[in-house]
C-alpha atoms as a PDB file:
ATOM      1  CA  UNK A   1      15.985 -83.524 -56.539  1.00  0.00           C
ATOM      2  CA  UNK A   2      12.648 -82.102 -55.480  1.00  0.00           C
ATOM      3  CA  UNK A   3      10.739 -80.049 -57.978  1.00  0.00           C
ATOM      4  CA  UNK A   4       8.829 -76.967 -57.032  1.00  0.00           C
ATOM      5  CA  UNK A   5       5.122 -76.790 -57.741  1.00  0.00           C
ATOM      6  CA  UNK A   6       4.725 -74.083 -60.421  1.00  0.00           C
ATOM      7  CA  UNK A   7       1.068 -73.594 -59.506  1.00  0.00           C
ATOM      8  CA  UNK A   8       2.024 -72.245 -56.043  1.00  0.00           C
ATOM      9  CA  UNK A   9       2.683 -68.506 -56.009  1.00  0.00           C
ATOM     10  CA  UNK A  10       4.435 -66.509 -53.275  1.00  0.00           C
ATOM     11  CA  UNK A  11       2.128 -65.028 -50.637  1.00  0.00           C
ATOM     12  CA  UNK A  12       2.452 -61.433 -51.801  1.00  0.00           C
ATOM     13  CA  UNK A  13       1.925 -62.191 -55.454  1.00  0.00           C
ATOM     14  CA  UNK A  14      -1.153 -64.412 -55.295  1.00  0.00           C
ATOM     15  CA  UNK A  15      -3.466 -61.360 -55.289  1.00  0.00           C
ATOM     16  CA  UNK A  16      -5.933 -62.602 -52.710  1.00  0.00           C
ATOM     17  CA  UNK A  17      -7.645 -60.301 -50.250  1.00  0.00           C
ATOM     18  CA  UNK A  18      -6.459 -62.472 -47.385  1.00  0.00           C
ATOM     19  CA  UNK A  19      -2.770 -61.928 -48.185  1.00  0.00           C
ATOM     20  CA  UNK A  20      -3.288 -58.169 -48.643  1.00  0.00           C
ATOM     21  CA  UNK A  21      -5.118 -57.925 -45.299  1.00  0.00           C
ATOM     22  CA  UNK A  22      -2.383 -59.963 -43.569  1.00  0.00           C
ATOM     23  CA  UNK A  23       0.383 -57.693 -44.884  1.00  0.00           C
ATOM     24  CA  UNK A  24      -1.604 -54.576 -44.000  1.00  0.00           C
ATOM     25  CA  UNK A  25      -2.252 -55.905 -40.477  1.00  0.00           C
ATOM     26  CA  UNK A  26       1.448 -56.745 -40.051  1.00  0.00           C
ATOM     27  CA  UNK A  27       2.549 -53.247 -41.121  1.00  0.00           C
ATOM     28  CA  UNK A  28      -0.026 -51.592 -38.865  1.00  0.00           C
ATOM     29  CA  UNK A  29       1.101 -53.745 -35.922  1.00  0.00           C
ATOM     30  CA  UNK A  30       4.744 -52.835 -36.513  1.00  0.00           C
ATOM     31  CA  UNK A  31       3.840 -49.129 -36.702  1.00  0.00           C
ATOM     32  CA  UNK A  32       1.836 -49.254 -33.446  1.00  0.00           C
ATOM     33  CA  UNK A  33       4.639 -51.205 -31.716  1.00  0.00           C
ATOM     34  CA  UNK A  34       7.153 -48.556 -32.778  1.00  0.00           C
ATOM     35  CA  UNK A  35       4.886 -45.745 -31.538  1.00  0.00           C
ATOM     36  CA  UNK A  36       4.445 -47.441 -28.168  1.00  0.00           C
ATOM     37  CA  UNK A  37       8.062 -48.549 -27.936  1.00  0.00           C
ATOM     38  CA  UNK A  38       9.656 -45.095 -28.113  1.00  0.00           C
ATOM     39  CA  UNK A  39       8.080 -43.757 -24.892  1.00  0.00           C
ATOM     40  CA  UNK A  40       8.700 -47.042 -23.096  1.00  0.00           C
ATOM     41  CA  UNK A  41      12.384 -47.008 -24.055  1.00  0.00           C
ATOM     42  CA  UNK A  42      12.700 -43.374 -23.054  1.00  0.00           C
ATOM     43  CA  UNK A  43      11.078 -44.167 -19.694  1.00  0.00           C
ATOM     44  CA  UNK A  44      13.446 -47.076 -19.101  1.00  0.00           C
ATOM     45  CA  UNK A  45      16.636 -45.213 -20.044  1.00  0.00           C
ATOM     46  CA  UNK A  46      15.740 -41.814 -18.529  1.00  0.00           C
ATOM     47  CA  UNK A  47      17.652 -42.344 -15.248  1.00  0.00           C
ATOM     48  CA  UNK A  48      20.771 -43.323 -17.165  1.00  0.00           C
ATOM     49  CA  UNK A  49      20.779 -40.194 -19.298  1.00  0.00           C
ATOM     50  CA  UNK A  50      20.043 -37.496 -16.707  1.00  0.00           C
ATOM     51  CA  UNK A  51      21.947 -36.081 -13.787  1.00  0.00           C
ATOM     52  CA  UNK A  52      20.367 -35.983 -10.383  1.00  0.00           C
ATOM     53  CA  UNK A  53      18.824 -32.657  -9.502  1.00  0.00           C
ATOM     54  CA  UNK A  54      18.696 -30.976  -6.155  1.00  0.00           C
ATOM     55  CA  UNK A  55      16.952 -27.959  -4.775  1.00  0.00           C
ATOM     56  CA  UNK A  56      18.245 -24.654  -6.060  1.00  0.00           C
ATOM     57  CA  UNK A  57      18.935 -22.585  -2.953  1.00  0.00           C
ATOM     58  CA  UNK A  58      18.678 -23.905   0.599  1.00  0.00           C
ATOM     59  CA  UNK A  59      18.760 -21.910   3.841  1.00  0.00           C
ATOM     60  CA  UNK A  60      21.915 -22.706   5.838  1.00  0.00           C
ATOM     61  CA  UNK A  61      21.732 -20.347   8.796  1.00  0.00           C
ATOM     62  CA  UNK A  62      22.072 -16.782   9.997  1.00  0.00           C
ATOM     63  CA  UNK A  63      24.654 -14.649   8.223  1.00  0.00           C
ATOM     64  CA  UNK A  64      25.461 -12.701  11.403  1.00  0.00           C
ATOM     65  CA  UNK A  65      26.123 -15.923  13.339  1.00  0.00           C
ATOM     66  CA  UNK A  66      28.407 -17.260  10.618  1.00  0.00           C
ATOM     67  CA  UNK A  67      30.285 -13.950  10.291  1.00  0.00           C
ATOM     68  CA  UNK A  68      30.854 -13.710  14.067  1.00  0.00           C
ATOM     69  CA  UNK A  69      32.065 -17.292  14.569  1.00  0.00           C
ATOM     70  CA  UNK A  70      35.842 -17.753  14.885  1.00  0.00           C
ATOM     71  CA  UNK A  71      35.559 -21.418  13.797  1.00  0.00           C
ATOM     72  CA  UNK A  72      33.720 -23.031  10.881  1.00  0.00           C
ATOM     73  CA  UNK A  73      30.060 -23.649  11.667  1.00  0.00           C
ATOM     74  CA  UNK A  74      28.705 -27.078  10.828  1.00  0.00           C
ATOM     75  CA  UNK A  75      25.231 -27.019   9.261  1.00  0.00           C
ATOM     76  CA  UNK A  76      22.959 -29.740   7.935  1.00  0.00           C
ATOM     77  CA  UNK A  77      20.882 -28.744   4.926  1.00  0.00           C
ATOM     78  CA  UNK A  78      17.327 -29.991   4.500  1.00  0.00           C
ATOM     79  CA  UNK A  79      16.565 -30.466   0.836  1.00  0.00           C
ATOM     80  CA  UNK A  80      14.799 -32.686  -1.669  1.00  0.00           C
ATOM     81  CA  UNK A  81      16.862 -34.449  -4.295  1.00  0.00           C
ATOM     82  CA  UNK A  82      15.477 -35.893  -7.518  1.00  0.00           C
ATOM     83  CA  UNK A  83      17.355 -38.837  -8.954  1.00  0.00           C
ATOM     84  CA  UNK A  84      15.731 -40.575 -11.892  1.00  0.00           C
ATOM     85  CA  UNK A  85      12.181 -41.389 -10.828  1.00  0.00           C
ATOM     86  CA  UNK A  86      12.755 -40.968  -7.087  1.00  0.00           C
ATOM     87  CA  UNK A  87      12.519 -37.854  -4.992  1.00  0.00           C
ATOM     88  CA  UNK A  88      14.302 -38.266  -1.679  1.00  0.00           C
ATOM     89  CA  UNK A  89      15.013 -36.129   1.339  1.00  0.00           C
ATOM     90  CA  UNK A  90      18.699 -35.333   1.521  1.00  0.00           C
ATOM     91  CA  UNK A  91      20.559 -33.876   4.491  1.00  0.00           C
ATOM     92  CA  UNK A  92      24.129 -33.075   3.442  1.00  0.00           C
ATOM     93  CA  UNK A  93      26.487 -31.387   5.876  1.00  0.00           C
ATOM     94  CA  UNK A  94      28.325 -28.167   5.058  1.00  0.00           C
ATOM     95  CA  UNK A  95      30.550 -25.681   6.862  1.00  0.00           C
ATOM     96  CA  UNK A  96      30.005 -21.938   6.912  1.00  0.00           C
ATOM     97  CA  UNK A  97      33.215 -19.924   7.206  1.00  0.00           C
ATOM     98  CA  UNK A  98      34.012 -16.227   7.299  1.00  0.00           C
ATOM     99  CA  UNK A  99      36.160 -15.187   4.358  1.00  0.00           C
ATOM    100  CA  UNK A 100      36.899 -11.461   4.505  1.00  0.00           C
ATOM    101  CA  UNK A 101      33.576  -9.662   4.855  1.00  0.00           C
ATOM    102  CA  UNK A 102      31.619 -12.500   3.269  1.00  0.00           C
ATOM    103  CA  UNK A 103      30.333 -15.891   4.364  1.00  0.00           C
ATOM    104  CA  UNK A 104      31.396 -18.874   2.292  1.00  0.00           C
ATOM    105  CA  UNK A 105      30.129 -22.467   2.339  1.00  0.00           C
ATOM    106  CA  UNK A 106      32.332 -25.545   2.096  1.00  0.00           C
ATOM    107  CA  UNK A 107      31.169 -29.048   1.298  1.00  0.00           C
ATOM    108  CA  UNK A 108      31.945 -31.413   4.190  1.00  0.00           C
ATOM    109  CA  UNK A 109      32.781 -34.163   1.686  1.00  0.00           C
ATOM    110  CA  UNK A 110      36.475 -34.952   1.266  1.00  0.00           C
ATOM    111  CA  UNK A 111      37.552 -34.384  -2.354  1.00  0.00           C
ATOM    112  CA  UNK A 112      39.736 -37.505  -2.186  1.00  0.00           C
ATOM    113  CA  UNK A 113      37.236 -40.356  -1.781  1.00  0.00           C
ATOM    114  CA  UNK A 114      34.079 -38.813  -0.328  1.00  0.00           C
ATOM    115  CA  UNK A 115      34.373 -39.257   3.454  1.00  0.00           C
ATOM    116  CA  UNK A 116      32.814 -36.642   5.730  1.00  0.00           C
ATOM    117  CA  UNK A 117      35.533 -34.307   6.993  1.00  0.00           C
ATOM    118  CA  UNK A 118      35.199 -33.091  10.616  1.00  0.00           C
ATOM    119  CA  UNK A 119      36.643 -29.870  12.032  1.00  0.00           C
ATOM    120  CA  UNK A 120      39.487 -30.452  14.523  1.00  0.00           C
ATOM    121  CA  UNK A 121      39.140 -27.657  17.102  1.00  0.00           C
ATOM    122  CA  UNK A 122      42.459 -28.363  18.839  1.00  0.00           C
ATOM    123  CA  UNK A 123      44.572 -28.250  15.658  1.00  0.00           C
ATOM    124  CA  UNK A 124      42.334 -25.665  13.919  1.00  0.00           C
ATOM    125  CA  UNK A 125      42.081 -27.641  10.701  1.00  0.00           C
ATOM    126  CA  UNK A 126      39.857 -30.061   8.834  1.00  0.00           C
ATOM    127  CA  UNK A 127      41.195 -33.638   9.002  1.00  0.00           C
ATOM    128  CA  UNK A 128      39.750 -36.514   6.968  1.00  0.00           C
ATOM    129  CA  UNK A 129      39.449 -39.648   9.112  1.00  0.00           C
ATOM    130  CA  UNK A 130      39.583 -42.040   6.141  1.00  0.00           C
ATOM    131  CA  UNK A 131      42.943 -41.324   4.515  1.00  0.00           C
ATOM    132  CA  UNK A 132      44.491 -38.483   6.515  1.00  0.00           C
ATOM    133  CA  UNK A 133      43.973 -35.538   4.176  1.00  0.00           C
ATOM    134  CA  UNK A 134      44.367 -32.209   5.998  1.00  0.00           C
ATOM    135  CA  UNK A 135      42.772 -28.886   5.028  1.00  0.00           C
ATOM    136  CA  UNK A 136      43.149 -25.385   6.444  1.00  0.00           C
ATOM    137  CA  UNK A 137      40.348 -23.426   8.165  1.00  0.00           C
ATOM    138  CA  UNK A 138      39.385 -21.969   4.771  1.00  0.00           C
ATOM    139  CA  UNK A 139      39.290 -25.438   3.147  1.00  0.00           C
ATOM    140  CA  UNK A 140      42.641 -25.052   1.392  1.00  0.00           C
ATOM    141  CA  UNK A 141      44.738 -28.170   0.800  1.00  0.00           C
ATOM    142  CA  UNK A 142      47.532 -28.772   3.321  1.00  0.00           C
ATOM    143  CA  UNK A 143      48.609 -32.414   3.062  1.00  0.00           C
ATOM    144  CA  UNK A 144      47.509 -35.962   2.351  1.00  0.00           C
ATOM    145  CA  UNK A 145      46.209 -37.878  -0.651  1.00  0.00           C
ATOM    146  CA  UNK A 146      43.565 -35.329  -1.716  1.00  0.00           C
ATOM    147  CA  UNK A 147      44.374 -33.637  -5.012  1.00  0.00           C
ATOM    148  CA  UNK A 148      42.562 -30.359  -4.290  1.00  0.00           C
ATOM    149  CA  UNK A 149      41.169 -28.332  -1.410  1.00  0.00           C
ATOM    150  CA  UNK A 150      37.670 -28.713  -0.006  1.00  0.00           C
ATOM    151  CA  UNK A 151      34.962 -27.770  -2.478  1.00  0.00           C
ATOM    152  CA  UNK A 152      33.317 -24.363  -2.142  1.00  0.00           C
ATOM    153  CA  UNK A 153      29.606 -23.972  -2.761  1.00  0.00           C
ATOM    154  CA  UNK A 154      27.757 -21.004  -4.252  1.00  0.00           C
ATOM    155  CA  UNK A 155      26.337 -18.796  -1.505  1.00  0.00           C
ATOM    156  CA  UNK A 156      24.223 -15.686  -1.256  1.00  0.00           C
ATOM    157  CA  UNK A 157      22.684 -13.765   1.614  1.00  0.00           C
ATOM    158  CA  UNK A 158      18.949 -13.021   1.515  1.00  0.00           C
ATOM    159  CA  UNK A 159      17.183 -11.344   4.463  1.00  0.00           C
ATOM    160  CA  UNK A 160      20.181 -12.068   6.763  1.00  0.00           C
ATOM    161  CA  UNK A 161      20.000 -15.788   5.918  1.00  0.00           C
ATOM    162  CA  UNK A 162      22.847 -17.581   4.158  1.00  0.00           C
ATOM    163  CA  UNK A 163      21.486 -19.451   1.143  1.00  0.00           C
ATOM    164  CA  UNK A 164      23.569 -22.279  -0.334  1.00  0.00           C
ATOM    165  CA  UNK A 165      23.324 -23.971  -3.712  1.00  0.00           C
ATOM    166  CA  UNK A 166      24.411 -27.500  -2.855  1.00  0.00           C
ATOM    167  CA  UNK A 167      26.242 -29.598  -5.457  1.00  0.00           C
ATOM    168  CA  UNK A 168      28.272 -32.788  -5.420  1.00  0.00           C
ATOM    169  CA  UNK A 169      31.655 -33.072  -7.099  1.00  0.00           C
ATOM    170  CA  UNK A 170      33.685 -35.845  -8.701  1.00  0.00           C
ATOM    171  CA  UNK A 171      36.141 -37.284  -6.150  1.00  0.00           C
ATOM    172  CA  UNK A 172      39.876 -37.797  -6.636  1.00  0.00           C
ATOM    173  CA  UNK A 173      40.412 -35.454  -9.586  1.00  0.00           C
ATOM    174  CA  UNK A 174      42.642 -32.345  -9.468  1.00  0.00           C
ATOM    175  CA  UNK A 175      39.970 -29.903 -10.649  1.00  0.00           C
ATOM    176  CA  UNK A 176      36.468 -29.413  -9.264  1.00  0.00           C
ATOM    177  CA  UNK A 177      33.942 -31.179 -11.554  1.00  0.00           C
ATOM    178  CA  UNK A 178      30.218 -30.965 -10.770  1.00  0.00           C
ATOM    179  CA  UNK A 179      28.356 -34.302 -10.870  1.00  0.00           C
ATOM    180  CA  UNK A 180      24.971 -33.035  -9.691  1.00  0.00           C
END
């Protein structure tokens, strides 16, 4: 059995300046690493913890044109979308429809699995080409695998221009849930 040398003291208890300076340097290094590490970790995990943001209100067209049209008007929005660190140009398609005396906007994205839904002029309905979901001229659910009607978007009229607040919604759920 090996015997321990009683003359050798642990590093922290030997009382030398060198051991005190080493411990102090180690603690200072750990403190600086922690200070620098928090912003780096926040930078790395920021895209995972935030939702993508889009422009607030986007011009979609003339309110008089939309109110006079007997069929839904297809419009492409021009907007910037911020997702994590990237800012990209986004051009989602919407439909403007007349609902009573007001103009309403519908997302052109099928609420089933996210395909773009075209307007069928002959049948006067929206028909999803991916899975056969059918929606009325006002976006209401008619048939197919979709669990809700087409999603409405917030609209307002400013200076005879229809302004739309574009959002995306969770697909294939019965209730409209905003994702961005």
